[in-house]
N, C-alpha and C. Protein backbone atom coordinates (compact mmCIF):
# COMPACT_ATOMS: atom_id res chain seq x y z
N UNK A 1 -43.18 -10.26 -37.88
CA UNK A 1 -44.00 -9.49 -37.39
C UNK A 1 -43.81 -8.07 -37.07
N UNK A 2 -45.22 -7.31 -36.93
CA UNK A 2 -45.09 -5.82 -36.98
C UNK A 2 -44.51 -5.26 -35.63
N UNK A 3 -44.91 -5.98 -34.29
CA UNK A 3 -44.60 -5.21 -33.52
C UNK A 3 -44.07 -6.31 -32.33
N UNK A 4 -43.28 -5.72 -31.46
CA UNK A 4 -42.21 -6.36 -30.44
C UNK A 4 -43.15 -7.31 -29.58
N UNK A 5 -44.33 -7.09 -29.21
CA UNK A 5 -44.87 -7.74 -28.24
C UNK A 5 -45.27 -9.63 -29.37
N UNK A 6 -45.37 -9.67 -30.49
CA UNK A 6 -45.44 -10.80 -31.41
C UNK A 6 -46.48 -10.39 -32.37
N UNK A 7 -46.94 -9.42 -32.44
CA UNK A 7 -48.01 -8.84 -33.24
C UNK A 7 -49.41 -8.07 -32.70
N UNK A 8 -50.30 -7.70 -33.91
CA UNK A 8 -50.91 -6.71 -33.45
C UNK A 8 -50.68 -5.56 -32.62
N UNK A 9 -51.55 -4.77 -32.05
CA UNK A 9 -51.49 -3.22 -31.72
C UNK A 9 -50.72 -3.37 -30.43
N UNK A 10 -50.13 -2.01 -30.40
CA UNK A 10 -49.59 -2.20 -28.71
C UNK A 10 -50.81 -1.69 -27.91
N UNK A 11 -50.74 -1.88 -26.59
CA UNK A 11 -51.77 -1.50 -25.54
C UNK A 11 -52.40 0.14 -26.23
N UNK A 12 -51.02 0.96 -26.45
CA UNK A 12 -51.29 2.56 -26.63
C UNK A 12 -52.04 2.68 -27.81
N UNK A 13 -51.81 2.13 -28.74
CA UNK A 13 -52.34 2.15 -29.90
C UNK A 13 -54.13 1.59 -30.13
N UNK A 14 -54.02 0.52 -29.54
CA UNK A 14 -55.41 -0.37 -28.77
C UNK A 14 -56.45 0.90 -28.12
N UNK A 15 -56.06 1.96 -27.43
CA UNK A 15 -56.46 2.62 -26.49
C UNK A 15 -56.66 3.98 -27.36
N UNK A 16 -55.92 3.90 -28.03
CA UNK A 16 -55.79 5.49 -29.08
C UNK A 16 -57.62 5.27 -29.55
N UNK A 17 -57.16 3.80 -30.64
CA UNK A 17 -58.54 3.48 -31.31
C UNK A 17 -60.06 3.28 -31.00
N UNK A 18 -59.72 2.73 -29.89
CA UNK A 18 -60.81 2.65 -29.26
C UNK A 18 -61.69 4.19 -28.80
N UNK A 19 -60.89 5.10 -28.35
CA UNK A 19 -61.07 6.55 -28.04
C UNK A 19 -61.91 7.23 -29.34
N UNK A 20 -61.22 6.28 -30.40
CA UNK A 20 -61.68 7.04 -31.92
C UNK A 20 -63.28 6.49 -31.98
N UNK A 21 -63.05 5.10 -31.87
CA UNK A 21 -64.49 4.59 -31.90
C UNK A 21 -65.80 5.09 -30.79
N UNK A 22 -65.11 5.50 -29.46
CA UNK A 22 -66.18 5.81 -28.97
C UNK A 22 -66.63 7.43 -28.83
N UNK A 23 -65.44 8.17 -29.73
CA UNK A 23 -65.89 9.56 -30.27
C UNK A 23 -66.99 9.71 -31.32
N UNK A 24 -66.88 8.47 -32.28
CA UNK A 24 -67.70 8.39 -33.11
C UNK A 24 -68.93 7.69 -32.53
N UNK A 25 -69.21 6.94 -31.67
CA UNK A 25 -70.62 6.71 -30.73
C UNK A 25 -71.08 7.57 -30.32
N UNK A 26 -70.52 8.69 -29.61
CA UNK A 26 -70.89 9.85 -28.93
C UNK A 26 -71.75 10.80 -30.24
N UNK A 27 -70.99 10.65 -31.54
CA UNK A 27 -71.51 11.26 -32.55
C UNK A 27 -72.96 10.42 -33.36
N UNK A 28 -72.82 9.00 -33.11
CA UNK A 28 -74.55 8.32 -33.53
C UNK A 28 -75.10 8.84 -32.90
N UNK A 29 -75.11 8.85 -31.72
CA UNK A 29 -76.29 9.04 -30.73
C UNK A 29 -76.71 10.86 -30.74
N UNK A 30 -76.09 11.31 -31.41
CA UNK A 30 -76.49 12.82 -31.98
C UNK A 30 -76.91 12.77 -33.15
N UNK A 31 -76.40 11.88 -33.99
CA UNK A 31 -77.80 11.55 -35.25
C UNK A 31 -76.83 11.89 -36.32
N UNK A 32 -75.58 12.82 -36.09
CA UNK A 32 -74.66 13.11 -37.60
C UNK A 32 -74.18 11.92 -38.57
N UNK A 33 -74.46 12.07 -39.74
CA UNK A 33 -74.06 11.68 -40.68
C UNK A 33 -72.91 10.48 -40.92
N UNK A 34 -73.36 9.56 -41.32
CA UNK A 34 -71.54 8.85 -41.28
C UNK A 34 -70.63 9.64 -42.06
N UNK A 35 -70.24 10.30 -43.05
CA UNK A 35 -70.00 10.87 -44.29
C UNK A 35 -68.70 12.24 -43.35
N UNK A 36 -69.71 12.60 -42.79
CA UNK A 36 -69.57 13.73 -41.56
C UNK A 36 -68.73 13.24 -40.40
N UNK A 37 -68.98 12.17 -40.21
CA UNK A 37 -68.22 11.38 -38.62
C UNK A 37 -66.67 11.41 -39.49
N UNK A 38 -66.92 10.37 -40.50
CA UNK A 38 -65.67 10.06 -41.42
C UNK A 38 -64.50 11.27 -41.18
N UNK A 39 -65.37 12.09 -41.45
CA UNK A 39 -64.00 13.08 -42.32
C UNK A 39 -63.66 14.26 -40.76
N UNK A 40 -64.59 14.05 -39.96
CA UNK A 40 -64.34 14.71 -38.33
C UNK A 40 -63.08 13.97 -37.99
N UNK A 41 -63.89 12.86 -38.31
CA UNK A 41 -62.31 12.06 -37.01
C UNK A 41 -61.21 11.31 -37.87
N UNK A 42 -61.54 11.69 -39.27
CA UNK A 42 -60.00 11.17 -40.13
C UNK A 42 -59.95 10.36 -39.97
N UNK A 43 -61.40 9.37 -40.67
CA UNK A 43 -61.01 7.92 -40.97
C UNK A 43 -61.74 7.58 -41.69
N UNK A 44 -62.03 6.24 -42.44
CA UNK A 44 -62.79 5.90 -44.00
C UNK A 44 -64.13 5.85 -43.48
N UNK A 45 -65.14 5.72 -44.61
CA UNK A 45 -66.55 5.62 -44.42
C UNK A 45 -66.78 4.43 -43.93
N UNK A 46 -66.47 3.63 -44.45
CA UNK A 46 -66.34 2.40 -44.20
C UNK A 46 -66.03 2.00 -42.59
N UNK A 47 -65.22 2.37 -42.21
CA UNK A 47 -64.81 2.09 -40.67
C UNK A 47 -66.06 2.64 -39.71
N UNK A 48 -66.63 3.69 -40.22
CA UNK A 48 -67.64 4.03 -39.43
C UNK A 48 -68.95 3.48 -39.55
N UNK A 49 -69.15 2.95 -41.11
CA UNK A 49 -70.15 1.99 -41.16
C UNK A 49 -70.10 0.63 -40.62
N UNK A 50 -68.89 0.27 -40.03
CA UNK A 50 -68.52 -0.87 -39.60
C UNK A 50 -68.73 -0.93 -38.26
N UNK A 51 -68.24 0.36 -37.57
CA UNK A 51 -68.58 0.75 -36.21
C UNK A 51 -70.16 0.85 -35.42
N UNK A 52 -70.79 1.46 -37.12
CA UNK A 52 -72.56 1.84 -36.18
C UNK A 52 -73.02 0.56 -35.95
N UNK A 53 -73.12 -0.63 -36.81
CA UNK A 53 -73.61 -1.74 -36.64
C UNK A 53 -73.93 -2.04 -35.20
N UNK A 54 -72.69 -2.50 -34.45
CA UNK A 54 -72.33 -2.65 -33.32
C UNK A 54 -72.96 -1.83 -32.72
N UNK A 55 -72.82 -0.18 -32.71
CA UNK A 55 -73.25 0.59 -31.70
C UNK A 55 -75.02 0.52 -31.71
N UNK A 56 -75.56 -0.02 -33.11
CA UNK A 56 -76.68 -0.26 -32.74
C UNK A 56 -77.08 -1.20 -31.76
N UNK A 57 -76.71 -1.89 -31.82
CA UNK A 57 -77.18 -3.49 -31.24
C UNK A 57 -76.69 -3.25 -29.97
N UNK A 58 -75.25 -2.74 -29.62
CA UNK A 58 -74.95 -2.94 -28.25
C UNK A 58 -74.52 -1.76 -27.65
N UNK A 59 -74.78 -0.51 -28.07
CA UNK A 59 -74.47 0.63 -27.55
C UNK A 59 -72.98 1.09 -27.12
N UNK A 60 -72.87 1.87 -26.40
CA UNK A 60 -71.33 2.42 -26.22
C UNK A 60 -70.28 1.24 -26.04
N UNK A 61 -70.81 0.13 -25.04
CA UNK A 61 -70.10 -0.97 -24.86
C UNK A 61 -69.71 -1.95 -25.73
N UNK A 62 -70.29 -1.75 -27.22
CA UNK A 62 -69.95 -2.65 -28.12
C UNK A 62 -68.95 -1.99 -28.80
N UNK A 63 -68.56 -0.92 -28.40
CA UNK A 63 -67.25 -0.05 -29.29
C UNK A 63 -66.24 0.00 -28.52
N UNK A 64 -66.12 -0.51 -27.33
CA UNK A 64 -64.89 -1.08 -26.21
C UNK A 64 -64.04 -2.05 -27.08
N UNK A 65 -62.91 -1.68 -26.66
CA UNK A 65 -61.66 -3.02 -27.44
C UNK A 65 -61.99 -4.14 -26.52
N UNK A 66 -61.62 -5.41 -27.77
CA UNK A 66 -62.15 -6.83 -27.32
C UNK A 66 -60.78 -6.83 -26.72
N UNK A 67 -59.62 -5.99 -26.64
CA UNK A 67 -58.02 -6.76 -26.18
C UNK A 67 -57.19 -7.18 -26.72
N UNK A 68 -56.26 -7.54 -27.09
CA UNK A 68 -55.26 -7.75 -28.16
C UNK A 68 -55.81 -9.08 -28.73
N UNK A 69 -55.75 -8.99 -30.30
CA UNK A 69 -56.19 -10.25 -31.19
C UNK A 69 -55.33 -11.67 -30.57
N UNK A 70 -53.77 -11.48 -30.33
CA UNK A 70 -52.96 -12.87 -30.22
C UNK A 70 -53.56 -13.16 -28.69
N UNK A 71 -54.37 -12.93 -27.87
CA UNK A 71 -54.66 -13.57 -26.76
C UNK A 71 -54.56 -15.11 -26.77
N UNK A 72 -54.02 -15.25 -25.64
CA UNK A 72 -53.61 -16.93 -25.36
C UNK A 72 -55.44 -17.50 -25.48
N UNK A 73 -55.09 -18.36 -26.36
CA UNK A 73 -56.62 -19.31 -26.18
C UNK A 73 -56.65 -20.38 -25.30
N UNK A 74 -55.30 -20.82 -24.61
CA UNK A 74 -55.25 -21.93 -23.54
C UNK A 74 -55.32 -21.10 -22.41
N UNK A 75 -56.04 -21.56 -21.21
CA UNK A 75 -56.11 -20.87 -20.06
C UNK A 75 -55.41 -21.58 -19.22
N UNK A 76 -54.91 -20.80 -18.13
CA UNK A 76 -54.08 -21.70 -17.10
C UNK A 76 -54.26 -22.84 -16.51
N UNK A 77 -56.01 -23.34 -16.39
CA UNK A 77 -56.22 -24.34 -16.07
C UNK A 77 -56.46 -25.47 -17.10
N UNK A 78 -56.68 -24.85 -18.56
CA UNK A 78 -56.22 -25.98 -19.57
C UNK A 78 -54.93 -26.48 -19.40
N UNK A 79 -53.95 -25.44 -19.65
CA UNK A 79 -52.56 -25.98 -19.71
C UNK A 79 -52.45 -27.05 -18.38
N UNK A 80 -52.56 -26.69 -17.40
CA UNK A 80 -52.43 -27.84 -16.56
C UNK A 80 -52.93 -28.92 -16.63
N UNK A 81 -53.92 -29.08 -17.23
CA UNK A 81 -54.35 -30.25 -17.89
C UNK A 81 -53.55 -30.79 -19.13
N UNK A 82 -53.10 -29.62 -19.73
CA UNK A 82 -52.09 -30.27 -21.05
C UNK A 82 -50.98 -31.00 -20.34
N UNK A 83 -50.10 -30.26 -19.42
CA UNK A 83 -48.95 -30.78 -18.86
C UNK A 83 -49.26 -32.18 -18.50
N UNK A 84 -50.51 -32.47 -17.70
CA UNK A 84 -50.87 -33.80 -16.86
C UNK A 84 -51.03 -34.84 -18.27
N UNK A 85 -51.35 -34.30 -19.41
CA UNK A 85 -51.52 -35.46 -20.75
C UNK A 85 -49.81 -35.56 -20.93
N UNK A 86 -49.22 -34.65 -21.14
CA UNK A 86 -47.82 -34.45 -22.10
C UNK A 86 -47.05 -35.38 -20.53
N UNK A 87 -47.30 -35.66 -19.79
CA UNK A 87 -46.52 -36.21 -18.57
C UNK A 87 -46.93 -37.71 -18.88
N UNK A 88 -48.32 -38.30 -19.51
CA UNK A 88 -48.14 -39.46 -19.62
C UNK A 88 -47.25 -40.05 -20.44
N UNK A 89 -47.10 -39.44 -21.70
CA UNK A 89 -45.90 -39.88 -22.78
C UNK A 89 -46.50 -40.10 -23.70
N UNK A 90 -46.10 -40.00 -25.10
CA UNK A 90 -46.56 -39.96 -26.27
C UNK A 90 -47.07 -40.75 -26.28
N UNK A 91 -46.51 -42.40 -26.14
CA UNK A 91 -47.08 -43.57 -26.42
C UNK A 91 -48.74 -43.50 -25.58
N UNK A 92 -48.94 -42.77 -24.45
CA UNK A 92 -50.21 -43.13 -23.99
C UNK A 92 -51.05 -42.06 -24.92
N UNK A 93 -50.35 -41.47 -25.87
CA UNK A 93 -51.49 -40.59 -26.92
C UNK A 93 -51.47 -41.77 -28.12
N UNK A 94 -51.09 -42.64 -28.56
CA UNK A 94 -50.67 -43.61 -29.82
C UNK A 94 -50.12 -43.28 -30.53
N UNK A 95 -48.90 -42.29 -30.04
CA UNK A 95 -47.63 -42.02 -31.09
C UNK A 95 -46.84 -42.94 -30.80
N UNK A 96 -45.91 -43.70 -32.02
CA UNK A 96 -45.19 -44.80 -31.96
C UNK A 96 -43.55 -44.46 -31.26
N UNK A 97 -43.11 -43.14 -31.20
CA UNK A 97 -41.87 -43.04 -30.86
C UNK A 97 -42.28 -42.02 -29.87
N UNK A 98 -40.87 -41.99 -28.69
CA UNK A 98 -41.05 -41.63 -27.46
C UNK A 98 -40.65 -40.48 -27.56
N UNK A 99 -41.07 -39.15 -28.33
CA UNK A 99 -40.50 -38.22 -28.48
C UNK A 99 -41.74 -36.99 -28.36
N UNK A 100 -41.90 -36.17 -27.92
CA UNK A 100 -43.01 -34.96 -27.93
C UNK A 100 -42.36 -33.95 -29.10
N UNK A 101 -43.23 -33.94 -30.14
CA UNK A 101 -42.73 -33.32 -31.15
C UNK A 101 -43.93 -31.76 -31.34
N UNK A 102 -43.78 -30.39 -31.99
CA UNK A 102 -44.85 -29.88 -31.77
C UNK A 102 -45.85 -30.35 -32.34
N UNK A 103 -46.21 -31.00 -33.46
CA UNK A 103 -47.20 -31.45 -34.00
C UNK A 103 -47.67 -32.48 -33.31
N UNK A 104 -46.82 -33.30 -32.30
CA UNK A 104 -47.55 -34.43 -30.98
C UNK A 104 -48.11 -33.64 -30.16
N UNK A 105 -47.77 -32.44 -29.56
CA UNK A 105 -48.03 -31.95 -29.18
C UNK A 105 -49.54 -30.99 -29.49
N UNK A 106 -49.30 -30.12 -30.57
CA UNK A 106 -50.63 -29.73 -30.92
C UNK A 106 -52.02 -31.08 -31.42
N UNK A 107 -51.72 -32.14 -31.79
CA UNK A 107 -52.62 -33.05 -31.64
C UNK A 107 -53.78 -33.16 -30.60
N UNK A 108 -52.16 -33.30 -29.63
CA UNK A 108 -52.90 -33.32 -27.91
C UNK A 108 -53.87 -32.93 -27.39
N UNK A 109 -53.42 -31.07 -27.89
CA UNK A 109 -54.32 -30.09 -27.50
C UNK A 109 -55.89 -29.91 -28.49
N UNK A 110 -55.34 -30.38 -29.73
CA UNK A 110 -56.78 -30.47 -30.27
C UNK A 110 -57.81 -31.41 -30.20
N UNK A 111 -57.31 -32.51 -29.56
CA UNK A 111 -58.03 -33.74 -29.17
C UNK A 111 -58.50 -33.31 -27.79
N UNK A 112 -57.74 -33.58 -26.84
CA UNK A 112 -58.00 -33.01 -25.05
C UNK A 112 -58.77 -31.76 -25.03
N UNK A 113 -57.93 -30.44 -25.25
CA UNK A 113 -58.75 -29.07 -25.05
C UNK A 113 -59.80 -28.75 -26.21
N UNK A 114 -60.01 -29.57 -27.04
CA UNK A 114 -60.86 -29.08 -28.33
C UNK A 114 -60.47 -27.34 -28.43
N UNK A 115 -58.79 -27.19 -28.60
CA UNK A 115 -58.75 -25.96 -29.43
C UNK A 115 -57.68 -26.20 -30.47
N UNK A 116 -57.60 -25.90 -31.54
CA UNK A 116 -56.93 -25.52 -32.75
C UNK A 116 -55.88 -24.40 -32.56
N UNK A 117 -54.75 -25.04 -32.76
CA UNK A 117 -53.92 -24.00 -33.04
C UNK A 117 -52.56 -24.57 -33.67
N UNK A 118 -52.01 -23.37 -34.30
CA UNK A 118 -51.15 -23.48 -35.54
C UNK A 118 -49.75 -24.23 -34.77
N UNK A 119 -48.94 -24.81 -35.39
CA UNK A 119 -47.45 -25.41 -34.62
C UNK A 119 -46.75 -24.10 -33.71
N UNK A 120 -46.61 -22.86 -34.21
CA UNK A 120 -46.16 -21.87 -33.97
C UNK A 120 -46.55 -21.34 -32.99
N UNK A 121 -47.87 -21.44 -32.69
CA UNK A 121 -48.84 -21.10 -31.78
C UNK A 121 -48.32 -21.68 -30.08
N UNK A 122 -48.05 -23.41 -30.92
CA UNK A 122 -48.13 -24.59 -29.76
C UNK A 122 -46.32 -23.97 -29.11
N UNK A 123 -45.24 -23.59 -29.94
CA UNK A 123 -44.29 -23.29 -29.80
C UNK A 123 -44.43 -22.46 -28.45
N UNK A 124 -44.98 -21.31 -28.75
CA UNK A 124 -44.94 -19.86 -28.01
C UNK A 124 -45.58 -20.19 -26.60
N UNK A 125 -46.65 -21.12 -26.81
CA UNK A 125 -47.56 -21.76 -25.61
C UNK A 125 -46.69 -22.30 -24.27
N UNK A 126 -45.89 -23.32 -25.21
CA UNK A 126 -45.02 -23.87 -24.68
C UNK A 126 -43.53 -23.31 -23.92
N UNK A 127 -42.99 -22.27 -24.43
CA UNK A 127 -41.94 -21.47 -24.50
C UNK A 127 -42.40 -20.39 -23.11
N UNK A 128 -43.73 -19.88 -23.55
CA UNK A 128 -44.17 -19.39 -22.42
C UNK A 128 -44.66 -20.17 -20.96
N UNK A 129 -44.51 -21.23 -21.29
CA UNK A 129 -44.79 -21.94 -19.65
C UNK A 129 -43.62 -22.70 -19.20
N UNK A 130 -42.55 -21.86 -19.92
CA UNK A 130 -41.27 -22.57 -19.31
C UNK A 130 -40.51 -23.99 -19.84
N UNK A 131 -41.53 -24.67 -21.01
CA UNK A 131 -40.87 -25.70 -22.07
C UNK A 131 -39.99 -25.39 -22.81
N UNK A 132 -39.38 -26.44 -22.93
CA UNK A 132 -38.10 -25.75 -24.49
C UNK A 132 -37.67 -26.94 -24.97
N UNK A 133 -36.97 -26.97 -26.13
CA UNK A 133 -36.88 -28.17 -26.52
C UNK A 133 -35.87 -28.66 -26.18
N UNK A 134 -35.94 -30.39 -26.49
CA UNK A 134 -34.97 -31.25 -25.83
C UNK A 134 -34.13 -31.88 -26.95
N UNK A 135 -32.77 -32.41 -27.00
CA UNK A 135 -32.20 -32.78 -27.91
C UNK A 135 -31.75 -34.06 -27.04
N UNK A 136 -31.38 -35.38 -27.67
CA UNK A 136 -31.07 -36.54 -27.04
C UNK A 136 -29.90 -36.72 -26.26
N UNK A 137 -29.83 -37.12 -24.86
CA UNK A 137 -28.55 -36.86 -24.06
C UNK A 137 -27.38 -38.07 -25.00
N UNK A 138 -27.88 -38.63 -25.27
CA UNK A 138 -27.02 -39.59 -25.75
C UNK A 138 -27.09 -39.94 -27.62
N UNK A 139 -25.84 -41.02 -28.09
CA UNK A 139 -26.15 -40.71 -29.55
C UNK A 139 -27.01 -42.27 -29.12
N UNK A 140 -27.34 -42.28 -30.78
CA UNK A 140 -28.32 -44.00 -30.51
C UNK A 140 -27.53 -45.06 -30.90
N UNK A 141 -27.67 -45.67 -30.01
CA UNK A 141 -27.53 -46.74 -30.06
C UNK A 141 -26.77 -47.94 -31.52
N UNK A 142 -27.58 -47.37 -32.01
CA UNK A 142 -27.33 -47.80 -33.76
C UNK A 142 -26.41 -47.30 -34.92
N UNK A 143 -26.17 -45.80 -33.91
CA UNK A 143 -25.27 -45.38 -34.56
C UNK A 143 -23.86 -46.10 -35.11
N UNK A 144 -23.81 -46.24 -36.40
CA UNK A 144 -22.04 -46.68 -37.10
C UNK A 144 -21.25 -45.77 -37.03
N UNK A 145 -19.96 -45.53 -36.26
CA UNK A 145 -19.08 -44.45 -36.42
C UNK A 145 -18.26 -45.17 -37.99
N UNK A 146 -18.15 -46.26 -38.19
CA UNK A 146 -16.98 -46.42 -39.07
C UNK A 146 -18.06 -46.24 -40.47
N UNK A 147 -19.21 -46.29 -40.78
CA UNK A 147 -19.97 -45.99 -41.78
C UNK A 147 -20.32 -44.38 -41.92
N UNK A 148 -20.38 -43.94 -40.62
CA UNK A 148 -20.63 -42.35 -40.59
C UNK A 148 -19.10 -41.69 -41.24
N UNK A 149 -18.27 -42.07 -40.85
CA UNK A 149 -16.58 -41.54 -41.29
C UNK A 149 -16.85 -42.11 -42.76
N UNK A 150 -16.79 -43.16 -43.09
CA UNK A 150 -16.85 -43.42 -44.55
C UNK A 150 -17.37 -42.45 -45.30
N UNK A 151 -18.54 -42.66 -44.69
CA UNK A 151 -19.46 -41.38 -45.87
C UNK A 151 -19.07 -40.11 -46.22
N UNK A 152 -18.18 -39.24 -44.82
CA UNK A 152 -17.86 -38.18 -44.83
C UNK A 152 -16.56 -38.44 -46.02
N UNK A 153 -16.22 -39.41 -45.78
CA UNK A 153 -14.94 -39.43 -46.91
C UNK A 153 -14.63 -39.66 -48.39
N UNK A 154 -16.04 -40.21 -48.81
CA UNK A 154 -16.00 -40.83 -49.74
C UNK A 154 -17.59 -39.94 -50.51
N UNK A 155 -18.21 -40.45 -49.85
CA UNK A 155 -19.67 -40.06 -50.68
C UNK A 155 -19.92 -38.53 -50.72
N UNK A 156 -19.47 -37.61 -49.45
CA UNK A 156 -19.33 -36.42 -49.03
C UNK A 156 -18.56 -35.47 -50.44
N UNK A 157 -17.33 -35.68 -50.71
CA UNK A 157 -16.82 -35.29 -51.65
C UNK A 157 -17.51 -35.17 -53.07
N UNK A 158 -18.25 -36.20 -53.19
CA UNK A 158 -18.83 -36.33 -54.83
C UNK A 158 -20.13 -35.42 -54.60
N UNK A 159 -20.84 -35.80 -53.55
CA UNK A 159 -22.15 -34.77 -53.63
C UNK A 159 -22.15 -33.55 -53.74
N UNK A 160 -21.08 -33.22 -52.67
CA UNK A 160 -20.55 -31.35 -52.82
C UNK A 160 -19.72 -31.08 -54.26
N UNK A 161 -19.06 -32.06 -54.98
CA UNK A 161 -18.62 -31.15 -56.47
C UNK A 161 -19.69 -31.57 -57.34
N UNK A 162 -20.77 -32.36 -56.96
CA UNK A 162 -21.63 -32.63 -57.98
C UNK A 162 -22.63 -31.48 -58.21
N UNK A 163 -22.74 -30.15 -57.43
CA UNK A 163 -23.00 -29.11 -57.79
C UNK A 163 -22.77 -28.44 -59.11
N UNK A 164 -24.12 -27.75 -59.68
CA UNK A 164 -23.58 -27.26 -61.23
C UNK A 164 -22.89 -25.94 -60.75
N UNK A 165 -21.85 -25.81 -61.86
CA UNK A 165 -20.85 -24.91 -61.67
C UNK A 165 -21.13 -23.90 -63.29
N UNK A 166 -21.35 -22.61 -62.74
CA UNK A 166 -21.38 -21.62 -63.87
C UNK A 166 -20.57 -22.25 -65.34
N UNK A 167 -20.70 -22.11 -66.29
CA UNK A 167 -19.50 -22.79 -67.34
C UNK A 167 -20.23 -21.91 -68.25
N UNK A 168 -19.52 -22.33 -69.53
CA UNK A 168 -19.80 -21.22 -70.99
C UNK A 168 -21.39 -21.41 -71.16
N UNK A 169 -22.04 -20.24 -71.15
CA UNK A 169 -23.31 -20.40 -71.90
C UNK A 169 -24.66 -20.77 -70.13
N UNK A 170 -23.76 -20.72 -69.76
CA UNK A 170 -24.71 -20.92 -68.08
C UNK A 170 -25.86 -19.80 -67.81
N UNK A 171 -26.71 -19.74 -67.44
CA UNK A 171 -27.46 -18.51 -67.65
C UNK A 171 -27.14 -17.50 -66.32
N UNK A 172 -26.51 -18.49 -65.83
CA UNK A 172 -25.70 -17.46 -64.36
C UNK A 172 -24.70 -16.45 -64.68
N UNK A 173 -24.06 -16.51 -65.97
CA UNK A 173 -23.24 -15.52 -66.25
C UNK A 173 -23.60 -14.42 -66.40
N UNK A 174 -23.09 -13.44 -66.14
CA UNK A 174 -23.83 -11.55 -66.39
C UNK A 174 -22.92 -11.28 -67.66
N UNK A 175 -21.76 -11.86 -67.84
CA UNK A 175 -21.30 -11.30 -69.21
C UNK A 175 -20.03 -12.40 -69.98
N UNK A 176 -20.59 -11.98 -71.55
CA UNK A 176 -19.77 -13.10 -72.31
C UNK A 176 -18.65 -13.77 -71.67
N UNK A 177 -18.09 -14.69 -72.10
CA UNK A 177 -16.65 -15.43 -71.83
C UNK A 177 -16.04 -14.56 -72.89
N UNK A 178 -14.29 -13.71 -72.23
CA UNK A 178 -13.96 -13.56 -73.02
C UNK A 178 -12.80 -14.46 -73.64
N UNK A 179 -12.42 -13.99 -74.95
CA UNK A 179 -11.81 -14.93 -76.01
C UNK A 179 -10.39 -15.43 -75.13
């Protein structure tokens, strides 16, 4: 991402750009041509044209900044509702396993709150509200320690050795083999 807050413009940069749009609005009201405004403000003609449309419809108010593009789309009230739903557990929402995955939480948000978020956004939302990932407190009861050790001793060395080693005629060699 481009900025430390997680993307988008900094507040200072957003205010700077808003100032340029407002200067353009003053020039719109004075009847200055688009090309002249673009040259004076050192912006593209296309940007000035893009600003002129909302100015015609809403005046100077339409040129004010709408805030950061990555503002949270889930309000505190909605998140409180989400926490209540998560407290019911995954089985109450039709999930077979008893674990909350980001995909499961994403599904609950989409169904209950009618908000579509990416998995990464779901993680940031949960993290912002103090939630963290959880690791199992104990090993699975079904774990067979003998089978795990056997696999480590017998299977893993074969898998590890079966990787392709560069040999003569391999495309990964950078110089020809010496005689």
